[in-house]
Amino acid sequence: MSKDTNSSEKPAVDCRIKLGAAIFGLSILLPVVGIPLVSGLGLSTTVTASVSGVFLVGAEVLGVCAVAVMGKSGYAFIKTRVFGFLKQHGPPQKVSRTRYTIGLVIFCVPLLFGWLSIYISKWVPGLLSH
């Protein structure tokens, strides 16, 4: 009998999945660590922008290579593990009325302030300059 590739069993974590996960981690760290490092070196703006662009494109290429190394089943395994972890710590399905009200106030107050600041700036000197 042949093993069904669409089964819900976990694939064995072999060297391909570990190597793919390492390459995927490198694709995330490359722009996160590399771009601030290049910016802090004091190179010219052109060189900094060029190297930063290479880091971003390289990160995308490494991400695709990581998926190719892991294969479809390995990528699905990593994806279910990551999204399973995030689902545990994600937002709740239902929130209390107090939490909803606080969130609504936090969302609306900056919008209201931005809208009103244009109209009340003539009565409050220096409001728009700060």
N, C-alpha and C. Protein backbone atom coordinates (compact mmCIF):
# COMPACT_ATOMS: atom_id res chain seq x y z
N MET A 1 0.83 -1.19 0.00
CA MET A 1 0.00 0.00 0.00
C MET A 1 0.87 1.25 0.00
N SER A 2 0.39 2.25 -0.68
CA SER A 2 1.13 3.51 -0.70
C SER A 2 0.54 4.44 0.35
N LYS A 3 1.40 5.28 0.88
CA LYS A 3 0.96 6.22 1.90
C LYS A 3 0.28 7.41 1.24
N ASP A 4 -0.87 7.78 1.75
CA ASP A 4 -1.62 8.91 1.20
C ASP A 4 -0.94 10.21 1.60
N THR A 5 -0.68 11.09 0.64
CA THR A 5 0.00 12.35 0.93
C THR A 5 -0.93 13.40 1.54
N ASN A 6 -2.23 13.19 1.44
CA ASN A 6 -3.16 14.17 1.98
C ASN A 6 -3.66 13.77 3.36
N SER A 7 -3.04 12.81 4.01
CA SER A 7 -3.49 12.39 5.32
C SER A 7 -3.20 13.48 6.35
N SER A 8 -3.89 13.41 7.47
CA SER A 8 -3.75 14.44 8.47
C SER A 8 -2.61 14.15 9.44
N GLU A 9 -1.84 13.07 9.20
CA GLU A 9 -0.73 12.74 10.07
C GLU A 9 0.40 13.74 9.88
N LYS A 10 1.16 13.94 10.96
CA LYS A 10 2.30 14.84 10.87
C LYS A 10 3.43 14.15 10.11
N PRO A 11 4.07 14.87 9.19
CA PRO A 11 5.23 14.26 8.54
C PRO A 11 6.40 14.22 9.51
N ALA A 12 7.27 13.28 9.31
CA ALA A 12 8.46 13.21 10.15
C ALA A 12 9.31 14.45 9.91
N VAL A 13 9.78 15.04 11.00
CA VAL A 13 10.61 16.24 10.88
C VAL A 13 12.00 15.77 10.47
N ASP A 14 12.28 15.86 9.19
CA ASP A 14 13.56 15.42 8.68
C ASP A 14 14.44 16.61 8.37
N CYS A 15 15.58 16.34 7.76
CA CYS A 15 16.54 17.42 7.51
C CYS A 15 16.01 18.44 6.51
N ARG A 16 15.12 18.03 5.60
CA ARG A 16 14.56 18.99 4.64
C ARG A 16 13.72 20.06 5.33
N ILE A 17 12.92 19.64 6.29
CA ILE A 17 12.07 20.61 6.99
C ILE A 17 12.93 21.51 7.87
N LYS A 18 13.93 20.93 8.53
CA LYS A 18 14.82 21.74 9.38
C LYS A 18 15.61 22.74 8.54
N LEU A 19 16.12 22.30 7.40
CA LEU A 19 16.86 23.20 6.52
C LEU A 19 15.95 24.28 5.96
N GLY A 20 14.74 23.91 5.55
CA GLY A 20 13.79 24.89 5.05
C GLY A 20 13.39 25.90 6.11
N ALA A 21 13.21 25.44 7.35
CA ALA A 21 12.87 26.36 8.44
C ALA A 21 14.03 27.31 8.71
N ALA A 22 15.26 26.80 8.63
CA ALA A 22 16.42 27.67 8.84
C ALA A 22 16.53 28.72 7.74
N ILE A 23 16.29 28.32 6.50
CA ILE A 23 16.34 29.27 5.38
C ILE A 23 15.21 30.29 5.52
N PHE A 24 14.03 29.83 5.95
CA PHE A 24 12.91 30.75 6.15
C PHE A 24 13.21 31.74 7.27
N GLY A 25 13.82 31.27 8.36
CA GLY A 25 14.22 32.17 9.44
C GLY A 25 15.24 33.19 8.97
N LEU A 26 16.18 32.75 8.13
CA LEU A 26 17.16 33.68 7.57
C LEU A 26 16.49 34.71 6.68
N SER A 27 15.45 34.29 5.94
CA SER A 27 14.74 35.25 5.07
C SER A 27 14.01 36.30 5.88
N ILE A 28 13.64 35.97 7.11
CA ILE A 28 13.00 36.97 7.97
C ILE A 28 14.05 37.87 8.62
N LEU A 29 15.14 37.27 9.08
CA LEU A 29 16.17 38.05 9.78
C LEU A 29 16.98 38.96 8.86
N LEU A 30 17.12 38.59 7.60
CA LEU A 30 17.94 39.37 6.68
C LEU A 30 17.51 40.84 6.60
N PRO A 31 16.25 41.14 6.31
CA PRO A 31 15.89 42.57 6.28
C PRO A 31 15.76 43.19 7.68
N VAL A 32 15.35 42.40 8.66
CA VAL A 32 15.14 42.96 10.00
C VAL A 32 16.46 43.39 10.64
N VAL A 33 17.51 42.60 10.44
CA VAL A 33 18.81 42.91 11.02
C VAL A 33 19.70 43.67 10.03
N GLY A 34 19.64 43.28 8.76
CA GLY A 34 20.55 43.84 7.77
C GLY A 34 20.31 45.29 7.43
N ILE A 35 19.05 45.67 7.27
CA ILE A 35 18.76 47.05 6.85
C ILE A 35 19.16 48.06 7.93
N PRO A 36 18.82 47.86 9.21
CA PRO A 36 19.32 48.82 10.21
C PRO A 36 20.84 48.83 10.33
N LEU A 37 21.47 47.67 10.13
CA LEU A 37 22.92 47.61 10.19
C LEU A 37 23.56 48.43 9.07
N VAL A 38 23.03 48.29 7.86
CA VAL A 38 23.55 49.05 6.72
C VAL A 38 23.27 50.54 6.91
N SER A 39 22.10 50.87 7.46
CA SER A 39 21.77 52.28 7.68
C SER A 39 22.70 52.92 8.70
N GLY A 40 23.13 52.14 9.67
CA GLY A 40 24.00 52.67 10.71
C GLY A 40 25.46 52.76 10.33
N LEU A 41 25.85 52.21 9.19
CA LEU A 41 27.25 52.24 8.78
C LEU A 41 27.70 53.60 8.25
N GLY A 42 26.77 54.45 7.92
CA GLY A 42 27.13 55.78 7.43
C GLY A 42 27.54 55.80 5.97
N LEU A 43 27.07 54.86 5.19
CA LEU A 43 27.36 54.84 3.76
C LEU A 43 26.52 55.90 3.06
N SER A 44 26.81 56.13 1.79
CA SER A 44 26.03 57.11 1.05
C SER A 44 24.59 56.61 0.90
N THR A 45 23.71 57.53 0.61
CA THR A 45 22.29 57.21 0.49
C THR A 45 22.04 56.22 -0.63
N THR A 46 22.74 56.37 -1.72
CA THR A 46 22.57 55.48 -2.86
C THR A 46 22.97 54.05 -2.52
N VAL A 47 24.11 53.90 -1.88
CA VAL A 47 24.60 52.57 -1.51
C VAL A 47 23.67 51.94 -0.46
N THR A 48 23.24 52.73 0.51
CA THR A 48 22.34 52.22 1.54
C THR A 48 21.03 51.75 0.93
N ALA A 49 20.46 52.53 0.03
CA ALA A 49 19.21 52.15 -0.62
C ALA A 49 19.40 50.91 -1.49
N SER A 50 20.50 50.83 -2.19
CA SER A 50 20.75 49.68 -3.05
C SER A 50 20.93 48.39 -2.24
N VAL A 51 21.71 48.46 -1.19
CA VAL A 51 21.93 47.27 -0.37
C VAL A 51 20.64 46.88 0.35
N SER A 52 19.87 47.85 0.80
CA SER A 52 18.60 47.54 1.45
C SER A 52 17.64 46.88 0.47
N GLY A 53 17.62 47.34 -0.76
CA GLY A 53 16.78 46.71 -1.79
C GLY A 53 17.22 45.28 -2.08
N VAL A 54 18.53 45.06 -2.10
CA VAL A 54 19.04 43.71 -2.31
C VAL A 54 18.66 42.80 -1.14
N PHE A 55 18.70 43.34 0.08
CA PHE A 55 18.28 42.55 1.24
C PHE A 55 16.80 42.17 1.15
N LEU A 56 15.97 43.11 0.72
CA LEU A 56 14.53 42.82 0.63
C LEU A 56 14.24 41.80 -0.46
N VAL A 57 14.84 41.97 -1.62
CA VAL A 57 14.63 41.02 -2.71
C VAL A 57 15.22 39.66 -2.34
N GLY A 58 16.40 39.67 -1.73
CA GLY A 58 17.02 38.43 -1.29
C GLY A 58 16.19 37.68 -0.27
N ALA A 59 15.51 38.42 0.60
CA ALA A 59 14.65 37.79 1.60
C ALA A 59 13.47 37.10 0.93
N GLU A 60 12.90 37.72 -0.08
CA GLU A 60 11.79 37.10 -0.80
C GLU A 60 12.25 35.84 -1.54
N VAL A 61 13.41 35.92 -2.17
CA VAL A 61 13.94 34.76 -2.89
C VAL A 61 14.24 33.62 -1.91
N LEU A 62 14.82 33.95 -0.76
CA LEU A 62 15.10 32.93 0.25
C LEU A 62 13.81 32.30 0.78
N GLY A 63 12.75 33.10 0.91
CA GLY A 63 11.47 32.55 1.34
C GLY A 63 10.91 31.54 0.37
N VAL A 64 11.01 31.85 -0.92
CA VAL A 64 10.55 30.90 -1.94
C VAL A 64 11.43 29.66 -1.96
N CYS A 65 12.74 29.84 -1.79
CA CYS A 65 13.65 28.69 -1.75
C CYS A 65 13.36 27.81 -0.53
N ALA A 66 13.00 28.43 0.59
CA ALA A 66 12.68 27.65 1.78
C ALA A 66 11.47 26.76 1.54
N VAL A 67 10.46 27.29 0.88
CA VAL A 67 9.27 26.50 0.57
C VAL A 67 9.64 25.39 -0.41
N ALA A 68 10.50 25.67 -1.36
CA ALA A 68 10.92 24.65 -2.33
C ALA A 68 11.71 23.54 -1.64
N VAL A 69 12.55 23.89 -0.68
CA VAL A 69 13.34 22.88 0.03
C VAL A 69 12.44 22.02 0.91
N MET A 70 11.50 22.66 1.61
CA MET A 70 10.62 21.91 2.51
C MET A 70 9.64 21.02 1.76
N GLY A 71 9.23 21.44 0.60
CA GLY A 71 8.21 20.69 -0.11
C GLY A 71 6.82 21.09 0.38
N LYS A 72 5.80 20.58 -0.33
CA LYS A 72 4.43 20.95 -0.01
C LYS A 72 4.03 20.46 1.38
N SER A 73 4.37 19.23 1.71
CA SER A 73 3.97 18.69 3.01
C SER A 73 4.72 19.37 4.15
N GLY A 74 6.00 19.68 3.94
CA GLY A 74 6.77 20.37 4.97
C GLY A 74 6.28 21.78 5.21
N TYR A 75 5.95 22.48 4.13
CA TYR A 75 5.42 23.83 4.27
C TYR A 75 4.07 23.82 4.97
N ALA A 76 3.23 22.85 4.63
CA ALA A 76 1.92 22.73 5.29
C ALA A 76 2.10 22.42 6.78
N PHE A 77 3.09 21.59 7.11
CA PHE A 77 3.37 21.25 8.50
C PHE A 77 3.78 22.49 9.28
N ILE A 78 4.73 23.26 8.75
CA ILE A 78 5.20 24.48 9.42
C ILE A 78 4.06 25.49 9.53
N LYS A 79 3.28 25.62 8.47
CA LYS A 79 2.17 26.58 8.46
C LYS A 79 1.13 26.23 9.52
N THR A 80 0.77 24.95 9.65
CA THR A 80 -0.21 24.57 10.67
C THR A 80 0.34 24.77 12.07
N ARG A 81 1.64 24.54 12.26
CA ARG A 81 2.23 24.76 13.59
C ARG A 81 2.22 26.24 13.96
N VAL A 82 2.61 27.11 13.01
CA VAL A 82 2.67 28.55 13.29
C VAL A 82 1.27 29.12 13.50
N PHE A 83 0.34 28.79 12.59
CA PHE A 83 -1.01 29.34 12.74
C PHE A 83 -1.74 28.74 13.94
N GLY A 84 -1.41 27.51 14.30
CA GLY A 84 -1.98 26.93 15.52
C GLY A 84 -1.53 27.69 16.75
N PHE A 85 -0.24 28.07 16.78
CA PHE A 85 0.27 28.85 17.90
C PHE A 85 -0.37 30.23 17.94
N LEU A 86 -0.48 30.88 16.79
CA LEU A 86 -1.05 32.22 16.75
C LEU A 86 -2.54 32.21 17.08
N LYS A 87 -3.23 31.14 16.72
CA LYS A 87 -4.66 31.05 17.01
C LYS A 87 -4.92 30.97 18.51
N GLN A 88 -4.01 30.30 19.25
CA GLN A 88 -4.16 30.21 20.70
C GLN A 88 -4.04 31.57 21.35
N HIS A 89 -3.16 32.41 20.82
CA HIS A 89 -2.89 33.71 21.44
C HIS A 89 -3.54 34.86 20.67
N GLY A 90 -4.46 34.57 19.80
CA GLY A 90 -5.12 35.59 19.01
C GLY A 90 -6.24 36.27 19.78
N PRO A 91 -6.96 37.13 19.10
CA PRO A 91 -8.06 37.84 19.77
C PRO A 91 -9.19 36.87 20.13
N PRO A 92 -9.90 37.16 21.20
CA PRO A 92 -10.99 36.28 21.60
C PRO A 92 -12.19 36.42 20.66
N GLN A 93 -13.04 35.43 20.65
CA GLN A 93 -14.23 35.46 19.81
C GLN A 93 -15.25 36.48 20.32
N LYS A 94 -15.32 36.65 21.64
CA LYS A 94 -16.28 37.57 22.23
C LYS A 94 -15.57 38.42 23.27
N VAL A 95 -15.85 39.73 23.28
CA VAL A 95 -15.25 40.62 24.25
C VAL A 95 -16.35 41.26 25.08
N SER A 96 -15.96 41.75 26.27
CA SER A 96 -16.95 42.38 27.15
C SER A 96 -17.32 43.76 26.61
N ARG A 97 -18.43 44.27 27.12
CA ARG A 97 -18.90 45.58 26.69
C ARG A 97 -17.89 46.67 27.06
N THR A 98 -17.25 46.55 28.22
CA THR A 98 -16.26 47.54 28.65
C THR A 98 -15.06 47.56 27.70
N ARG A 99 -14.57 46.38 27.33
CA ARG A 99 -13.43 46.31 26.42
C ARG A 99 -13.80 46.86 25.05
N TYR A 100 -15.01 46.60 24.59
CA TYR A 100 -15.47 47.13 23.32
C TYR A 100 -15.54 48.65 23.36
N THR A 101 -16.06 49.19 24.46
CA THR A 101 -16.19 50.64 24.60
C THR A 101 -14.82 51.31 24.65
N ILE A 102 -13.88 50.72 25.38
CA ILE A 102 -12.53 51.28 25.46
C ILE A 102 -11.88 51.28 24.08
N GLY A 103 -12.02 50.19 23.34
CA GLY A 103 -11.47 50.11 21.99
C GLY A 103 -12.08 51.14 21.06
N LEU A 104 -13.38 51.33 21.17
CA LEU A 104 -14.06 52.32 20.34
C LEU A 104 -13.58 53.73 20.66
N VAL A 105 -13.38 54.03 21.94
CA VAL A 105 -12.89 55.35 22.33
C VAL A 105 -11.46 55.55 21.83
N ILE A 106 -10.61 54.53 21.98
CA ILE A 106 -9.22 54.64 21.51
C ILE A 106 -9.17 54.85 20.01
N PHE A 107 -10.11 54.27 19.28
CA PHE A 107 -10.16 54.45 17.83
C PHE A 107 -10.71 55.82 17.44
N CYS A 108 -11.75 56.29 18.11
CA CYS A 108 -12.46 57.49 17.68
C CYS A 108 -11.83 58.80 18.15
N VAL A 109 -11.18 58.80 19.32
CA VAL A 109 -10.64 60.05 19.86
C VAL A 109 -9.58 60.66 18.94
N PRO A 110 -8.59 59.90 18.40
CA PRO A 110 -7.64 60.54 17.48
C PRO A 110 -8.29 61.05 16.20
N LEU A 111 -9.29 60.34 15.71
CA LEU A 111 -9.98 60.82 14.52
C LEU A 111 -10.71 62.13 14.81
N LEU A 112 -11.38 62.17 15.93
CA LEU A 112 -12.11 63.38 16.33
C LEU A 112 -11.14 64.53 16.57
N PHE A 113 -10.02 64.26 17.23
CA PHE A 113 -9.04 65.31 17.49
C PHE A 113 -8.46 65.84 16.17
N GLY A 114 -8.13 64.95 15.25
CA GLY A 114 -7.59 65.39 13.96
C GLY A 114 -8.58 66.22 13.17
N TRP A 115 -9.84 65.87 13.25
CA TRP A 115 -10.87 66.62 12.54
C TRP A 115 -11.12 67.97 13.21
N LEU A 116 -11.17 68.00 14.54
CA LEU A 116 -11.47 69.25 15.24
C LEU A 116 -10.27 70.19 15.31
N SER A 117 -9.05 69.67 15.25
CA SER A 117 -7.88 70.54 15.40
C SER A 117 -7.79 71.58 14.29
N ILE A 118 -8.29 71.28 13.14
CA ILE A 118 -8.29 72.26 12.05
C ILE A 118 -9.21 73.43 12.38
N TYR A 119 -10.34 73.14 12.98
CA TYR A 119 -11.33 74.19 13.26
C TYR A 119 -11.05 74.97 14.53
N ILE A 120 -10.43 74.33 15.53
CA ILE A 120 -10.19 75.05 16.78
C ILE A 120 -8.80 75.68 16.84
N SER A 121 -8.01 75.54 15.77
CA SER A 121 -6.65 76.08 15.78
C SER A 121 -6.63 77.60 15.84
N LYS A 122 -7.70 78.25 15.38
CA LYS A 122 -7.70 79.72 15.44
C LYS A 122 -7.93 80.22 16.87
N TRP A 123 -8.47 79.38 17.75
CA TRP A 123 -8.68 79.77 19.14
C TRP A 123 -7.54 79.30 20.05
N VAL A 124 -6.76 78.29 19.61
CA VAL A 124 -5.65 77.77 20.41
C VAL A 124 -4.36 78.07 19.64
N PRO A 125 -3.62 79.10 20.04
CA PRO A 125 -2.42 79.45 19.29
C PRO A 125 -1.35 78.36 19.43
N GLY A 126 -0.69 78.05 18.31
CA GLY A 126 0.39 77.07 18.31
C GLY A 126 -0.06 75.62 18.25
N LEU A 127 -1.35 75.35 18.07
CA LEU A 127 -1.84 73.97 18.04
C LEU A 127 -1.33 73.22 16.81
N LEU A 128 -1.42 73.84 15.66
CA LEU A 128 -1.00 73.16 14.44
C LEU A 128 0.52 73.13 14.27
N SER A 129 1.22 74.06 14.90
CA SER A 129 2.68 74.08 14.75
C SER A 129 3.34 72.99 15.59
N HIS A 130 2.63 72.42 16.56
CA HIS A 130 3.19 71.34 17.37
C HIS A 130 2.59 70.08 16.91
